[in-house]
Protein backbone atom coordinates (compact mmCIF):
# COMPACT_ATOMS: atom_id res chain seq x y z
CA MET A 1 80.53 -34.39 -71.52
CA GLU A 2 79.67 -35.42 -75.22
CA LYS A 3 75.60 -35.80 -75.35
CA LEU A 4 74.77 -39.38 -75.84
CA THR A 5 73.01 -40.03 -79.30
CA ARG A 6 71.95 -43.33 -81.00
CA ARG A 7 75.48 -43.40 -82.91
CA THR A 8 77.76 -43.07 -80.36
CA PHE A 9 75.99 -45.20 -77.76
CA PHE A 10 75.44 -47.66 -80.40
CA LYS A 11 79.41 -47.34 -81.51
CA ALA A 12 80.49 -47.94 -77.82
CA ALA A 13 78.21 -50.65 -77.04
CA GLY A 14 78.95 -52.46 -80.31
CA ALA A 15 82.35 -52.72 -79.88
CA THR A 16 82.03 -54.74 -77.11
CA ALA A 17 78.63 -56.78 -77.64
CA ALA A 18 79.44 -57.40 -81.61
CA ALA A 19 81.44 -60.30 -80.39
CA LEU A 20 78.97 -61.88 -78.04
CA THR A 21 78.20 -65.70 -78.10
CA SER A 22 75.17 -67.11 -76.90
CA GLN A 23 75.07 -70.33 -74.19
CA ALA A 24 71.51 -71.39 -74.78
CA GLN A 25 70.73 -75.20 -75.22
CA ALA A 26 66.81 -75.04 -76.63
CA LEU A 27 64.26 -77.17 -74.91
CA THR A 28 62.21 -79.03 -77.68
CA ARG A 29 58.76 -77.82 -75.94
CA ASP A 30 57.05 -74.92 -78.49
CA VAL A 31 54.11 -72.88 -77.21
CA GLN A 32 50.84 -73.83 -78.51
CA GLU A 33 49.82 -70.41 -80.04
CA PRO A 34 52.73 -68.42 -81.25
CA ALA A 35 52.86 -64.49 -81.34
CA GLN A 36 52.79 -63.32 -84.67
CA GLY A 37 55.04 -60.38 -85.42
CA GLN A 38 55.29 -57.22 -83.72
CA ALA A 39 52.58 -55.78 -81.77
CA VAL A 40 50.76 -52.49 -82.98
CA ASN A 41 51.46 -49.61 -80.79
CA ALA A 42 51.17 -45.86 -81.49
CA GLY A 43 54.87 -44.82 -80.83
CA ALA A 44 56.21 -47.75 -82.73
CA ALA A 45 57.90 -48.24 -85.91
CA PRO A 46 56.23 -50.97 -88.01
CA ALA A 47 57.92 -54.07 -88.21
CA ALA A 48 59.32 -55.45 -91.48
CA SER A 49 57.33 -58.32 -93.42
CA ALA A 50 58.28 -61.41 -91.99
CA ALA A 51 57.25 -65.33 -91.07
CA PRO A 52 55.66 -65.28 -87.73
CA VAL A 53 58.47 -66.48 -85.07
CA HIS A 54 57.66 -69.82 -83.24
CA TYR A 55 59.27 -69.45 -79.83
CA ILE A 56 60.47 -72.08 -77.83
CA PHE A 57 59.93 -70.15 -74.43
CA PHE A 58 57.69 -67.59 -74.32
CA ARG A 59 54.05 -67.75 -74.16
CA PRO A 60 51.95 -65.31 -76.39
CA ASP A 61 51.39 -63.09 -74.00
CA GLU A 62 55.08 -62.88 -73.10
CA ALA A 63 56.06 -62.24 -76.36
CA ARG A 64 53.85 -59.64 -76.98
CA PHE A 65 55.26 -57.74 -73.97
CA VAL A 66 59.10 -58.74 -75.15
CA GLU A 67 57.79 -57.44 -78.74
CA ALA A 68 56.54 -54.30 -78.04
CA ALA A 69 59.03 -53.76 -75.25
CA VAL A 70 62.40 -54.35 -77.37
CA ALA A 71 61.00 -52.09 -80.36
CA ARG A 72 60.91 -49.09 -77.66
CA LEU A 73 64.41 -49.74 -76.22
CA ILE A 74 65.75 -50.15 -80.17
CA PRO A 75 63.46 -48.76 -82.22
CA ALA A 76 64.01 -48.39 -86.02
CA ASP A 77 64.84 -45.23 -87.18
CA ALA A 78 66.85 -43.74 -90.16
CA ASN A 79 70.23 -45.36 -89.51
CA GLY A 80 68.41 -48.76 -89.68
CA PRO A 81 66.54 -51.27 -88.43
CA GLY A 82 65.50 -51.60 -85.02
CA ALA A 83 65.10 -54.70 -82.34
CA VAL A 84 62.20 -56.09 -83.33
CA GLU A 85 63.42 -56.41 -87.68
CA ALA A 86 67.14 -57.60 -86.22
CA GLY A 87 65.09 -60.87 -84.56
CA VAL A 88 65.72 -59.80 -81.16
CA PRO A 89 63.06 -61.25 -79.51
CA ASN A 90 64.01 -64.72 -81.01
CA TYR A 91 67.64 -64.49 -79.58
CA ILE A 92 66.09 -63.51 -76.07
CA ASP A 93 63.89 -66.45 -76.60
CA ARG A 94 66.64 -69.21 -77.50
CA GLN A 95 68.56 -67.83 -74.63
CA LEU A 96 65.85 -68.59 -71.86
CA GLY A 97 64.48 -71.82 -73.54
CA GLY A 98 68.08 -73.40 -73.20
CA ALA A 99 70.49 -74.44 -70.66
CA TRP A 100 71.65 -70.90 -69.81
CA GLY A 101 68.04 -70.11 -69.07
CA ALA A 102 67.93 -73.14 -66.95
CA GLY A 103 70.61 -72.01 -64.72
CA GLU A 104 72.94 -75.01 -65.93
CA ARG A 105 75.78 -73.16 -64.52
CA LEU A 106 74.63 -70.81 -62.01
CA TYR A 107 75.13 -71.29 -58.06
CA ARG A 108 71.97 -72.23 -56.57
CA SER A 109 72.63 -73.05 -52.92
CA GLY A 110 72.09 -69.83 -51.13
CA PRO A 111 71.74 -68.05 -48.83
CA TRP A 112 69.28 -65.68 -50.38
CA GLN A 113 70.27 -62.13 -48.97
CA ALA A 114 70.48 -58.90 -50.15
CA GLY A 115 74.15 -58.40 -51.25
CA LEU A 116 76.22 -55.23 -51.81
CA ALA A 117 76.31 -53.64 -55.16
CA GLY A 118 79.90 -55.20 -56.20
CA GLN A 119 78.64 -58.56 -55.37
CA GLY A 120 76.34 -58.94 -58.56
CA TYR A 121 73.27 -61.36 -58.78
CA GLN A 122 71.97 -62.54 -55.34
CA LEU A 123 68.77 -63.87 -56.26
CA PRO A 124 67.63 -67.42 -56.07
CA PHE A 125 65.78 -67.46 -59.60
CA THR A 126 67.09 -69.20 -62.69
CA PRO A 127 67.30 -66.45 -65.77
CA SER A 128 64.10 -68.16 -67.11
CA GLU A 129 62.70 -67.99 -63.31
CA LEU A 130 63.31 -64.34 -63.33
CA PHE A 131 61.68 -63.51 -66.83
CA ARG A 132 58.80 -65.41 -66.40
CA ASN A 133 58.18 -64.28 -62.57
CA SER A 134 58.68 -60.67 -63.79
CA LEU A 135 56.53 -60.98 -67.03
CA ARG A 136 53.49 -62.46 -65.10
CA ALA A 137 53.77 -59.52 -62.64
CA VAL A 138 53.90 -57.22 -65.32
CA ASN A 139 50.68 -58.28 -67.08
CA ASP A 140 48.80 -58.77 -64.10
CA ASP A 141 49.82 -55.04 -63.00
CA LEU A 142 48.70 -53.48 -66.38
CA GLN A 143 45.33 -55.89 -66.46
CA LYS A 144 44.29 -54.70 -62.66
CA ARG A 145 45.20 -50.73 -62.76
CA ARG A 146 44.65 -50.15 -66.50
CA ASN A 147 42.61 -52.91 -68.04
CA THR A 148 44.93 -53.69 -70.54
CA THR A 149 48.49 -54.78 -71.94
CA PHE A 150 51.64 -53.53 -72.73
CA ASP A 151 51.78 -53.60 -76.31
CA LYS A 152 48.24 -51.95 -76.27
CA LEU A 153 49.83 -48.92 -74.52
CA PRO A 154 50.77 -45.74 -76.92
CA GLY A 155 54.71 -45.31 -77.31
CA LYS A 156 54.90 -42.49 -74.75
CA GLU A 157 53.17 -44.60 -72.09
CA GLN A 158 55.22 -47.91 -72.93
CA ASP A 159 58.59 -45.48 -72.34
CA ALA A 160 56.89 -44.51 -69.23
CA TYR A 161 56.29 -47.81 -68.02
CA LEU A 162 59.79 -49.30 -68.76
CA GLU A 163 61.55 -46.15 -67.11
CA SER A 164 59.43 -46.95 -64.17
CA LEU A 165 60.76 -50.58 -64.05
CA GLN A 166 64.51 -49.23 -64.79
CA THR A 167 64.25 -46.87 -61.92
CA GLY A 168 62.11 -48.94 -59.67
CA GLN A 169 62.25 -51.52 -56.50
CA GLN A 170 58.98 -52.90 -56.47
CA SER A 171 58.75 -56.40 -56.39
CA LEU A 172 57.48 -58.69 -59.44
CA ASN A 173 57.08 -61.52 -58.13
CA GLY A 174 60.27 -61.51 -55.90
CA VAL A 175 62.08 -59.97 -58.80
CA PRO A 176 63.22 -56.38 -58.32
CA ALA A 177 61.79 -54.29 -61.20
CA HIS A 178 65.05 -52.62 -61.93
CA THR A 179 66.79 -56.13 -62.10
CA PHE A 180 64.30 -57.19 -64.72
CA PHE A 181 64.92 -54.15 -66.59
CA GLU A 182 68.55 -54.77 -66.62
CA SER A 183 68.16 -57.93 -67.88
CA LEU A 184 65.96 -57.19 -70.46
CA LEU A 185 67.95 -54.33 -71.86
CA ALA A 186 71.43 -56.31 -71.48
CA LEU A 187 69.75 -59.03 -73.73
CA THR A 188 68.06 -56.73 -76.38
CA ILE A 189 71.80 -55.41 -76.92
CA GLU A 190 73.49 -58.99 -77.09
CA GLY A 191 70.71 -60.03 -79.65
CA PHE A 192 71.09 -57.00 -81.72
CA PHE A 193 74.72 -57.22 -81.81
CA ALA A 194 75.37 -60.64 -81.69
CA ASP A 195 76.81 -63.49 -84.71
CA PRO A 196 73.35 -63.99 -86.54
CA ILE A 197 74.12 -67.52 -86.20
CA TYR A 198 72.40 -67.23 -82.48
CA GLY A 199 69.07 -65.94 -83.62
CA GLY A 200 69.26 -62.52 -83.77
CA ASN A 201 71.30 -59.68 -86.03
CA LYS A 202 68.99 -60.63 -88.72
CA ASP A 203 70.97 -59.86 -92.32
CA MET A 204 73.64 -58.62 -89.94
CA ALA A 205 72.13 -55.20 -89.91
CA ALA A 206 73.82 -53.89 -86.62
CA TRP A 207 77.08 -54.99 -88.03
CA LYS A 208 76.61 -52.78 -91.14
CA MET A 209 75.22 -49.77 -88.96
CA ILE A 210 78.88 -49.74 -86.96
CA GLY A 211 81.33 -50.98 -89.81
CA PHE A 212 81.94 -54.39 -87.86
CA PRO A 213 83.24 -56.92 -90.26
CA GLY A 214 82.32 -60.00 -88.69
CA ALA A 215 84.30 -63.35 -88.34
CA TYR A 216 86.60 -63.31 -91.42
CA ALA A 217 89.26 -65.78 -90.63
CA SER A 218 92.16 -64.53 -92.35
CA TYR A 219 93.86 -61.06 -92.99
CA TYR A 220 97.18 -62.26 -94.16
CA HIS A 221 97.03 -60.06 -97.45
CA LEU A 222 96.99 -56.97 -95.31
CA VAL A 223 99.46 -57.40 -93.21
CA ASP A 224 101.74 -54.83 -94.78
CA GLN A 225 99.21 -52.80 -95.70
CA TYR A 226 98.98 -49.74 -93.11
CA GLY A 227 96.09 -47.13 -93.12
CA VAL A 228 93.64 -49.23 -95.27
CA LEU A 229 89.89 -48.99 -94.65
CA PHE A 230 88.62 -52.41 -94.27
CA THR A 231 85.24 -52.30 -96.32
CA ARG A 232 84.39 -55.33 -97.19
CA PRO A 233 80.58 -56.65 -96.20
CA PRO A 234 80.07 -58.46 -92.66
CA ILE A 235 80.44 -62.05 -92.71
CA SER A 236 79.02 -64.47 -90.15
CA ILE A 237 80.69 -67.89 -88.73
CA GLY A 238 77.47 -69.21 -89.62
CA GLU A 239 77.76 -68.89 -93.78
CA ASP A 240 78.03 -70.93 -96.17
CA ASN A 241 80.02 -70.72 -99.48
CA ARG A 242 76.52 -69.21 -100.97
CA ARG A 243 76.55 -66.80 -97.97
CA THR A 244 73.40 -68.15 -96.76
CA ILE A 245 73.45 -68.14 -92.96
CA HIS A 246 72.45 -71.33 -90.79
CA ILE A 247 71.04 -70.65 -87.65
CA MET A 248 72.87 -72.68 -85.02
CA PRO A 249 70.50 -75.06 -83.46
CA ALA A 250 70.19 -74.09 -79.88
CA SER A 251 71.11 -77.57 -78.85
CA GLN A 252 74.25 -77.03 -80.21
CA GLU A 253 74.86 -73.56 -79.19
CA PRO A 254 78.05 -73.53 -76.88
CA LYS A 255 77.19 -73.10 -72.99
CA ALA A 256 78.68 -69.52 -71.11
CA ILE A 257 81.15 -70.26 -68.22
CA GLY A 258 80.63 -68.08 -65.06
CA GLN A 259 78.32 -65.57 -66.96
CA ASN A 260 76.38 -63.24 -64.97
CA PRO A 261 72.54 -64.50 -64.91
CA VAL A 262 71.72 -60.84 -65.77
CA HIS A 263 74.01 -60.16 -67.61
CA GLY A 264 75.55 -57.20 -65.61
CA THR A 265 75.81 -54.41 -68.45
CA GLU A 266 76.22 -50.69 -67.72
CA ALA A 267 74.30 -50.11 -70.61
CA ALA A 268 71.14 -50.32 -68.63
CA HIS A 269 71.32 -46.55 -67.96
CA THR A 270 69.98 -45.70 -71.22
CA THR A 271 66.67 -47.25 -72.84
CA ARG A 272 66.53 -45.79 -76.02
CA LYS A 273 69.02 -45.23 -79.00
CA GLY A 274 67.66 -41.65 -79.42
CA GLY A 275 66.89 -41.09 -75.82
CA LYS A 276 69.19 -38.93 -73.61
């Protein structure tokens, strides 16, 4: 079996994730103390210089965890920027801060029983509740056992902690650790490959990396041409005639129909681009 490399994994993931659209309608609430950029740790690549992100859902301590965690899941390397540089934390924040995060179309009447593997999500939490409960448990655990926070751990210790969530059954305030990890990873991949109009994939960096052309409206002039490599730069559905991308207000984002609250991605078996 071919060894899974960053390039092969992301070509496969990008084929399905690049066309994903988001669902959130943003809440008008904002945090009082927005997190400032990427958390600094010994193992993560430095984030590109950028204006501070003003989150609509994440509290400062939650934002620091998410920024540090996604930087380990998709780190920057010689092939391109990582999740933080691509704006993935902003994408995740918009999802959790809107209608999808509030479980607008999620069945909420129970019974809440452990289901079979093929039955999908069986917990009573909305996506935003799932993240809030899990992040509070993670922060409490690290403060109690190590007197620190996730973003202050060295890179290798961050990787080990994420792996413990990926393979663990421990309860994070009612949320199985592996369920939280799978949801975090799924949203990270979505934010990396989705159209930039939804707040991630900044500068279409992920599309450029995999050669995805984006939202061209017409290929009429290529209908009778065969074996021709399409090399035009990617285009977002949110671009104007000056190629400026206008981020869609979260209140106008389309709503998902029948979307799994934890996204059900099969990609949860791989935690890092360069990992095995």
